[in-house]
Protein backbone atom coordinates (compact mmCIF):
# COMPACT_ATOMS: atom_id res chain seq x y z
CA MET A 1 16.37 -7.20 -17.51
CA SER A 2 17.20 -4.79 -20.26
CA GLU A 3 19.70 -5.58 -23.02
CA ASP A 4 22.47 -3.91 -21.00
CA GLY A 5 21.69 -6.04 -17.92
CA ASP A 6 20.05 -3.25 -15.91
CA PRO A 7 16.63 -3.87 -14.37
CA PRO A 8 13.81 -2.24 -16.34
CA ALA A 9 12.75 1.25 -15.26
CA ILE A 10 10.03 1.31 -12.63
CA THR A 11 7.87 4.42 -12.29
CA VAL A 12 5.58 5.31 -9.39
CA ALA A 13 2.76 7.77 -10.02
CA PRO A 14 -0.54 8.77 -8.43
CA PHE A 15 -3.59 6.72 -9.42
CA THR A 16 -5.75 8.18 -12.18
CA PRO A 17 -9.28 7.07 -13.12
CA ALA A 18 -7.85 5.37 -16.23
CA ASP A 19 -6.00 2.99 -13.86
CA GLU A 20 -9.18 1.60 -12.25
CA ASP A 21 -9.69 -1.63 -14.21
CA GLY A 22 -5.97 -2.43 -14.34
CA VAL A 23 -5.52 -1.90 -10.59
CA LEU A 24 -8.59 -3.97 -9.75
CA GLY A 25 -7.46 -6.86 -11.96
CA PHE A 26 -3.90 -6.66 -10.63
CA ILE A 27 -4.95 -6.76 -6.96
CA LEU A 28 -7.57 -9.50 -7.44
CA ALA A 29 -5.06 -11.69 -9.28
CA ILE A 30 -2.65 -11.52 -6.33
CA GLN A 31 -5.33 -11.93 -3.65
CA ASN A 32 -7.21 -14.79 -5.32
CA GLY A 33 -4.58 -16.47 -7.48
CA GLU A 34 -1.34 -16.14 -5.58
CA PHE A 35 -2.55 -16.07 -1.98
CA GLY A 36 -5.81 -18.01 -2.29
CA ILE A 37 -7.83 -15.39 -0.43
CA ALA A 38 -11.45 -15.64 -1.54
CA ILE A 39 -12.28 -11.95 -1.86
CA SER A 40 -14.17 -10.34 -4.72
CA ALA A 41 -14.27 -6.89 -6.24
CA ASP A 42 -17.70 -6.42 -4.64
CA GLN A 43 -16.12 -6.96 -1.23
CA GLN A 44 -13.64 -4.15 -1.95
CA PRO A 45 -15.77 -1.18 -3.05
CA ASP A 46 -12.81 1.14 -2.34
CA LEU A 47 -11.20 -0.15 -5.55
CA ARG A 48 -14.09 1.24 -7.60
CA ALA A 49 -13.86 4.59 -5.80
CA VAL A 50 -10.12 5.21 -5.34
CA PRO A 51 -10.29 9.01 -5.76
CA GLN A 52 -13.07 9.37 -3.19
CA PHE A 53 -11.83 6.71 -0.75
CA TYR A 54 -8.06 7.24 -0.85
CA GLN A 55 -7.23 10.50 -2.62
CA SER A 56 -9.02 12.80 -0.19
CA GLY A 57 -7.75 14.61 2.88
CA ALA A 58 -4.18 13.50 3.56
CA GLY A 59 -4.68 10.25 1.65
CA GLY A 60 -3.30 9.02 -1.64
CA PHE A 61 -2.99 6.01 -3.92
CA TRP A 62 -0.01 5.17 -6.13
CA VAL A 63 0.65 2.75 -8.96
CA ALA A 64 4.06 1.30 -9.86
CA ARG A 65 4.65 0.41 -13.49
CA CYS A 66 7.26 -1.22 -15.64
CA GLY A 67 6.47 0.19 -19.05
CA SER A 68 2.67 -0.01 -19.31
CA ASP A 69 2.38 -2.99 -16.91
CA ILE A 70 1.13 -2.42 -13.37
CA VAL A 71 3.65 -4.05 -11.02
CA GLY A 72 2.63 -2.56 -7.66
CA THR A 73 0.06 -0.53 -5.72
CA ILE A 74 -0.19 1.20 -2.36
CA GLY A 75 -2.91 3.29 -0.73
CA LEU A 76 -3.10 5.70 2.20
CA LYS A 77 -6.53 6.28 3.74
CA ASP A 78 -6.89 9.43 5.85
CA ILE A 79 -8.74 8.31 9.00
CA GLY A 80 -8.65 11.65 10.83
CA ASN A 81 -6.71 12.94 13.84
CA ALA A 82 -3.45 13.07 11.79
CA GLU A 83 -3.70 9.28 11.38
CA ALA A 84 -3.93 7.12 8.28
CA ALA A 85 -4.28 3.50 7.20
CA LEU A 86 -1.87 1.88 4.76
CA ARG A 87 -3.86 -0.37 2.44
CA LYS A 88 -3.67 -2.25 -0.85
CA MET A 89 0.10 -2.69 -0.90
CA PHE A 90 0.74 -5.31 -3.54
CA VAL A 91 3.75 -6.07 -5.73
CA ALA A 92 3.76 -8.54 -8.62
CA ALA A 93 5.74 -11.67 -7.71
CA THR A 94 8.24 -11.19 -10.55
CA TYR A 95 9.02 -7.65 -9.30
CA ARG A 96 9.63 -8.45 -5.65
CA GLY A 97 13.08 -8.21 -4.16
CA ALA A 98 16.08 -5.91 -4.16
CA ALA A 99 16.70 -6.00 -7.92
CA PHE A 100 13.57 -3.94 -8.58
CA ALA A 101 12.93 -2.37 -5.12
CA VAL A 102 9.27 -1.78 -6.01
CA ALA A 103 7.96 -2.26 -2.46
CA PRO A 104 10.45 0.14 -0.83
CA ARG A 105 9.80 2.75 -3.53
CA LEU A 106 6.04 2.50 -3.04
CA LEU A 107 6.40 2.73 0.75
CA ARG A 108 8.82 5.69 0.52
CA THR A 109 6.41 7.52 -1.80
CA LEU A 110 3.56 6.96 0.66
CA MET A 111 5.64 7.92 3.73
CA ASP A 112 6.99 11.09 2.12
CA HIS A 113 3.44 12.11 1.17
CA ALA A 114 2.18 11.31 4.68
CA VAL A 115 4.85 13.46 6.36
CA ARG A 116 4.23 16.36 3.93
CA SER A 117 0.48 16.04 4.64
CA GLY A 118 0.91 16.21 8.42
CA THR A 119 0.12 12.57 9.17
CA ARG A 120 1.66 11.50 12.49
CA ARG A 121 0.72 7.80 12.65
CA ILE A 122 0.09 5.10 10.07
CA PHE A 123 -1.67 1.85 10.89
CA LEU A 124 -2.06 -1.27 8.79
CA GLY A 125 -3.65 -4.67 8.96
CA THR A 126 -2.51 -7.82 7.20
CA THR A 127 -3.01 -11.56 7.48
CA ASP A 128 -0.90 -14.09 9.34
CA LYS A 129 -0.18 -15.69 5.93
CA PHE A 130 1.87 -12.75 4.61
CA ARG A 131 5.09 -13.50 6.49
CA ALA A 132 7.30 -11.74 3.95
CA ALA A 133 5.11 -8.64 4.36
CA HIS A 134 5.57 -8.83 8.14
CA ARG A 135 9.35 -8.82 7.71
CA PHE A 136 9.14 -5.95 5.23
CA TYR A 137 7.02 -3.74 7.51
CA GLU A 138 9.18 -4.50 10.55
CA LYS A 139 12.37 -3.74 8.58
CA HIS A 140 10.85 -0.35 7.68
CA GLY A 141 10.03 0.68 11.25
CA PHE A 142 6.50 -0.62 11.78
CA ALA A 143 5.81 -2.20 15.18
CA THR A 144 3.25 -4.90 15.91
CA ILE A 145 0.23 -3.66 17.86
CA ALA A 146 -2.86 -5.31 19.32
CA LYS A 147 -6.12 -5.02 17.41
CA ALA A 148 -7.51 -3.17 20.44
CA ALA A 149 -4.87 -0.43 19.93
CA LEU A 150 -6.29 0.53 16.52
CA PRO A 151 -8.19 3.82 16.36
CA ALA A 152 -11.96 3.48 16.04
CA THR A 153 -11.74 5.05 12.56
CA PHE A 154 -9.39 2.34 11.21
CA PRO A 155 -11.04 0.56 8.23
CA LEU A 156 -10.85 -3.02 9.49
CA MET A 157 -10.92 -5.81 6.90
CA ALA A 158 -12.31 -9.23 7.83
CA VAL A 159 -9.12 -10.96 6.60
CA ASP A 160 -6.81 -8.83 8.79
CA THR A 161 -5.36 -10.70 11.76
CA LYS A 162 -2.03 -8.91 12.38
CA PHE A 163 -1.68 -5.16 12.92
CA TYR A 164 1.15 -2.64 12.77
CA ALA A 165 1.73 1.05 13.44
CA ILE A 166 4.48 3.59 12.85
CA GLU A 167 4.98 7.07 14.30
CA LEU A 168 6.10 9.64 11.72
CA PRO A 169 8.31 12.62 12.34
CA PRO A 170 6.92 16.09 11.74
CA GLU A 171 7.71 17.64 8.38
CA PRO A 172 11.04 19.47 8.56
CA SER A 173 10.75 23.26 8.65
CA ARG A 174 11.82 25.00 5.49
């Protein structure tokens, strides 16, 4: 909290190449340290190629910061046919919850971009362990789907065991 009792300012901005090492360290710390998922940087080559993997087509990748500290990430992978995959959504434990609203801000940024880019459906995969994430996605309109309902172009991760999808409205006419 700031001296006046307000939460510190959180900014959300597109990933830049200067963010690479910080984002990789941030995500690995949550995956390995907090959640005990044994996954390495080598098993996630997308994190060493964010511009090519995420920031092409209708995709994108965003970083949330408090000052210079990375406190959240979210990625949107264009998988063709006006569909995309939501990936790499992580928020630092100390920045979770309503006081900071990092997760909703990251998701809103991604969803607004997706609608503007003509994306009609977003899919995501997560693990059974991330129960708070399940509640978050469901609260924000995602519906559980069977693995078999995923498009063939969905980038399946070995750790994913639970899957969601959301239909997006078309961009409003101007």
